[in-house]
Amino acid sequence: MVRRAGAGWKDDAGMVKVGLTGGAASGKTTVCRLFMEKGVAVSIADELAREAVSPGSPGFDAVVAWFGDGVVGVDGGLDRPVLRRKLISDPESRRVLESIVQPEVIRLMKVFLEREEASGAVMAVCEVPLLFELNLEAMFDVTLHVGVDRATQCARLMERDGVAEAEAMRLLDLQLPDGDKRDRADLVIENMRGLSELKGAFYKVFEKIVKK
């Protein structure tokens, strides 16, 4: 659902473009929901990635051509758990998938931001897990990182995806460390002690962005 900013927001400086990032299971989805509750339109990178490789798309055909029919699920779409296991064990396959998906995701994000700005929105958020890895900071006015310690992140990932600790740790090893993202982000939301802390940190950061 796309919701608009409410009355009282400053709009004389144009739309504020927020790039939201964080590691796996850091809490990005919850922060996206909190932005939407505030009336902000949010673009989710994972949804754009699904669109980029949806059945019948050139991206889908390219992925199946590289990985084989074994990555196609019973519903005709990509079997993401199977694909993820292949990516963890084969860095070259990960690079191939990124070369297929990332350009289309970036294009769709730009379309989203242009559409929101044209509509008169005063803020829009793009959730981009690889924001810093792909050096996309220039697309945004504010970069926002959801921070979490590695042990908590691993535990959440195991619970969320039903994977063993070893697999969760291998996935985290593929990502830019939390500390590096903190250093590069304009703002950080802490999410190490649960939902209450996360909400409190979000509201403080949100006010900073609104007043920017």
Protein backbone atom coordinates (compact mmCIF):
# COMPACT_ATOMS: atom_id res chain seq x y z
CA MET A 1 0.00 0.00 0.00
CA VAL A 2 1.28 3.48 -0.83
CA ARG A 3 0.34 6.26 1.55
CA ARG A 4 1.07 9.95 1.25
CA ALA A 5 2.59 12.37 3.69
CA GLY A 6 0.06 14.19 5.81
CA ALA A 7 -0.63 17.90 6.24
CA GLY A 8 1.95 19.96 8.07
CA TRP A 9 5.04 18.51 6.43
CA LYS A 10 7.46 20.96 4.87
CA ASP A 11 7.50 20.61 1.11
CA ASP A 12 9.26 23.79 -0.01
CA ALA A 13 12.63 22.04 -0.37
CA GLY A 14 11.35 19.25 -2.63
CA MET A 15 11.01 15.57 -1.88
CA VAL A 16 13.42 13.95 0.56
CA LYS A 17 14.78 10.68 -0.82
CA VAL A 18 15.74 8.20 1.89
CA GLY A 19 17.90 5.15 1.25
CA LEU A 20 17.25 2.53 3.94
CA THR A 21 19.73 -0.29 4.43
CA GLY A 22 20.89 -2.93 6.92
CA GLY A 23 22.03 -6.53 7.01
CA ALA A 24 19.88 -9.65 6.78
CA ALA A 25 17.34 -9.88 9.63
CA SER A 26 18.34 -6.46 10.93
CA GLY A 27 14.76 -5.16 11.02
CA LYS A 28 14.51 -3.28 7.73
CA THR A 29 11.02 -4.63 7.05
CA THR A 30 9.73 -3.31 10.36
CA VAL A 31 11.27 0.11 9.70
CA CYS A 32 9.62 0.14 6.28
CA ARG A 33 6.27 -0.54 7.95
CA LEU A 34 6.86 2.31 10.41
CA PHE A 35 7.58 4.69 7.54
CA MET A 36 4.36 3.63 5.81
CA GLU A 37 2.42 4.19 9.03
CA LYS A 38 3.77 7.76 8.89
CA GLY A 39 2.34 8.17 5.41
CA VAL A 40 5.53 7.63 3.41
CA ALA A 41 5.66 5.60 0.19
CA VAL A 42 8.25 2.81 0.39
CA SER A 43 9.92 0.78 -2.33
CA ILE A 44 11.14 -2.68 -1.24
CA ALA A 45 14.23 -3.98 -3.04
CA ASP A 46 13.22 -7.62 -2.56
CA GLU A 47 9.89 -6.98 -4.28
CA LEU A 48 11.67 -5.24 -7.16
CA ALA A 49 14.10 -8.16 -7.39
CA ARG A 50 11.17 -10.57 -7.62
CA GLU A 51 9.70 -8.45 -10.40
CA ALA A 52 13.05 -8.46 -12.21
CA VAL A 53 13.07 -12.28 -12.35
CA SER A 54 9.35 -13.00 -12.54
CA PRO A 55 8.31 -15.90 -14.81
CA GLY A 56 8.37 -14.84 -18.44
CA SER A 57 10.80 -11.98 -17.89
CA PRO A 58 14.25 -11.83 -19.55
CA GLY A 59 15.75 -11.96 -16.05
CA PHE A 60 13.95 -15.21 -15.23
CA ASP A 61 15.14 -16.82 -18.45
CA ALA A 62 18.71 -15.71 -17.78
CA VAL A 63 18.69 -17.13 -14.23
CA VAL A 64 17.33 -20.52 -15.36
CA ALA A 65 19.82 -20.63 -18.23
CA TRP A 66 22.69 -20.22 -15.77
CA PHE A 67 21.48 -22.27 -12.78
CA GLY A 68 19.36 -24.87 -14.53
CA ASP A 69 15.74 -26.04 -14.11
CA GLY A 70 16.46 -27.09 -10.52
CA VAL A 71 15.96 -23.52 -9.32
CA VAL A 72 12.38 -23.43 -10.66
CA GLY A 73 9.77 -24.12 -7.98
CA VAL A 74 6.51 -26.00 -8.25
CA ASP A 75 4.66 -22.70 -8.78
CA GLY A 76 6.74 -21.92 -11.87
CA GLY A 77 8.72 -19.17 -10.18
CA LEU A 78 12.23 -19.30 -8.78
CA ASP A 79 12.74 -21.52 -5.71
CA ARG A 80 14.47 -18.92 -3.56
CA PRO A 81 15.75 -21.25 -0.77
CA VAL A 82 17.36 -23.50 -3.39
CA LEU A 83 18.83 -20.50 -5.17
CA ARG A 84 20.15 -19.05 -1.91
CA ARG A 85 22.01 -22.25 -1.08
CA LYS A 86 23.67 -22.19 -4.48
CA LEU A 87 24.73 -18.58 -3.98
CA ILE A 88 26.29 -19.28 -0.59
CA SER A 89 28.40 -22.12 -1.96
CA ASP A 90 29.38 -20.54 -5.29
CA PRO A 91 30.63 -16.90 -5.40
CA GLU A 92 30.68 -16.88 -9.20
CA SER A 93 26.98 -17.76 -9.35
CA ARG A 94 26.27 -14.93 -6.93
CA ARG A 95 28.05 -12.48 -9.21
CA VAL A 96 26.10 -13.75 -12.21
CA LEU A 97 22.76 -13.35 -10.42
CA GLU A 98 23.66 -9.84 -9.28
CA SER A 99 24.59 -8.87 -12.84
CA ILE A 100 21.12 -9.99 -13.96
CA VAL A 101 19.03 -8.51 -11.15
CA GLN A 102 20.77 -5.37 -9.89
CA PRO A 103 20.54 -3.16 -13.01
CA GLU A 104 16.80 -3.77 -13.27
CA VAL A 105 16.24 -3.15 -9.55
CA ILE A 106 18.11 0.16 -9.76
CA ARG A 107 16.06 1.18 -12.79
CA LEU A 108 12.81 0.37 -10.99
CA MET A 109 13.91 2.35 -7.92
CA LYS A 110 14.58 5.40 -10.07
CA VAL A 111 11.16 5.07 -11.67
CA PHE A 112 9.59 4.86 -8.19
CA LEU A 113 11.38 8.00 -6.96
CA GLU A 114 10.52 9.96 -10.09
CA ARG A 115 6.87 8.93 -9.82
CA GLU A 116 6.64 9.91 -6.16
CA GLU A 117 8.29 13.27 -6.73
CA ALA A 118 5.99 14.00 -9.66
CA SER A 119 3.00 13.19 -7.45
CA GLY A 120 4.00 15.87 -4.95
CA ALA A 121 5.19 13.54 -2.18
CA VAL A 122 7.52 15.19 0.33
CA MET A 123 9.37 12.01 1.26
CA ALA A 124 9.97 8.59 -0.29
CA VAL A 125 11.97 5.63 0.99
CA CYS A 126 13.86 2.96 -0.93
CA GLU A 127 14.85 -0.12 1.07
CA VAL A 128 18.18 -1.17 -0.44
CA PRO A 129 20.14 -3.94 1.32
CA LEU A 130 23.17 -3.38 -0.96
CA LEU A 131 23.04 0.41 -0.87
CA PHE A 132 26.68 0.84 0.14
CA GLU A 133 28.00 -2.22 -1.66
CA LEU A 134 26.69 -0.76 -4.93
CA ASN A 135 27.71 2.81 -4.04
CA LEU A 136 24.19 4.15 -4.50
CA GLU A 137 24.44 6.94 -1.93
CA ALA A 138 24.21 9.62 -4.62
CA MET A 139 20.62 8.55 -5.37
CA PHE A 140 19.47 9.69 -1.93
CA ASP A 141 19.39 12.77 0.27
CA VAL A 142 19.65 10.68 3.45
CA THR A 143 21.07 7.19 4.03
CA LEU A 144 19.68 5.28 7.01
CA HIS A 145 21.15 2.08 8.43
CA VAL A 146 19.36 -0.36 10.77
CA GLY A 147 22.08 -1.54 13.13
CA VAL A 148 22.27 -4.87 14.95
CA ASP A 149 25.08 -6.92 16.48
CA ARG A 150 26.18 -10.06 14.65
CA ALA A 151 25.07 -12.57 17.29
CA THR A 152 21.54 -11.14 17.41
CA GLN A 153 21.43 -10.95 13.63
CA CYS A 154 22.46 -14.60 13.31
CA ALA A 155 19.84 -15.76 15.84
CA ARG A 156 17.09 -13.81 14.07
CA LEU A 157 18.13 -15.16 10.70
CA MET A 158 18.04 -18.75 11.97
CA GLU A 159 14.56 -18.24 13.41
CA ARG A 160 13.20 -16.35 10.42
CA ASP A 161 14.49 -18.61 7.66
CA GLY A 162 14.73 -21.90 9.55
CA VAL A 163 18.42 -22.36 8.72
CA ALA A 164 21.27 -23.79 10.75
CA GLU A 165 23.76 -21.51 12.46
CA ALA A 166 26.52 -22.41 10.00
CA GLU A 167 24.38 -21.44 7.02
CA ALA A 168 23.27 -18.21 8.68
CA MET A 169 26.88 -17.27 9.41
CA ARG A 170 27.93 -18.00 5.83
CA LEU A 171 25.20 -15.69 4.58
CA LEU A 172 26.31 -12.93 6.95
CA ASP A 173 29.92 -13.39 5.79
CA LEU A 174 28.78 -12.41 2.29
CA GLN A 175 27.52 -9.04 3.50
CA LEU A 176 29.29 -5.78 4.31
CA PRO A 177 29.85 -5.73 8.10
CA ASP A 178 27.48 -3.72 10.27
CA GLY A 179 30.29 -1.44 11.41
CA ASP A 180 31.20 -0.45 7.86
CA LYS A 181 27.59 0.44 7.10
CA ARG A 182 27.34 2.49 10.28
CA ASP A 183 30.40 4.48 9.26
CA ARG A 184 28.94 5.34 5.88
CA ALA A 185 25.31 6.01 6.88
CA ASP A 186 24.00 9.49 7.65
CA LEU A 187 21.74 8.11 10.39
CA VAL A 188 21.51 4.85 12.33
CA ILE A 189 18.51 3.14 13.95
CA GLU A 190 19.48 0.65 16.66
CA ASN A 191 17.62 -2.65 16.72
CA MET A 192 19.37 -4.87 19.25
CA ARG A 193 16.85 -4.97 22.10
CA GLY A 194 13.53 -5.57 20.43
CA LEU A 195 10.59 -3.72 18.96
CA SER A 196 10.24 -1.08 21.69
CA GLU A 197 13.79 0.15 21.20
CA LEU A 198 13.40 0.05 17.45
CA LYS A 199 10.25 2.16 17.48
CA GLY A 200 11.79 4.73 19.81
CA ALA A 201 14.87 5.05 17.63
CA PHE A 202 12.75 5.27 14.49
CA TYR A 203 10.60 8.13 15.76
CA LYS A 204 13.68 10.16 16.73
CA VAL A 205 15.29 9.59 13.33
CA PHE A 206 12.05 10.32 11.52
CA GLU A 207 11.81 13.74 13.17
CA LYS A 208 15.39 14.50 12.15
CA ILE A 209 14.61 13.67 8.52
CA VAL A 210 11.38 15.69 8.51
CA LYS A 211 13.23 18.72 9.84
CA LYS A 212 16.16 18.31 7.45
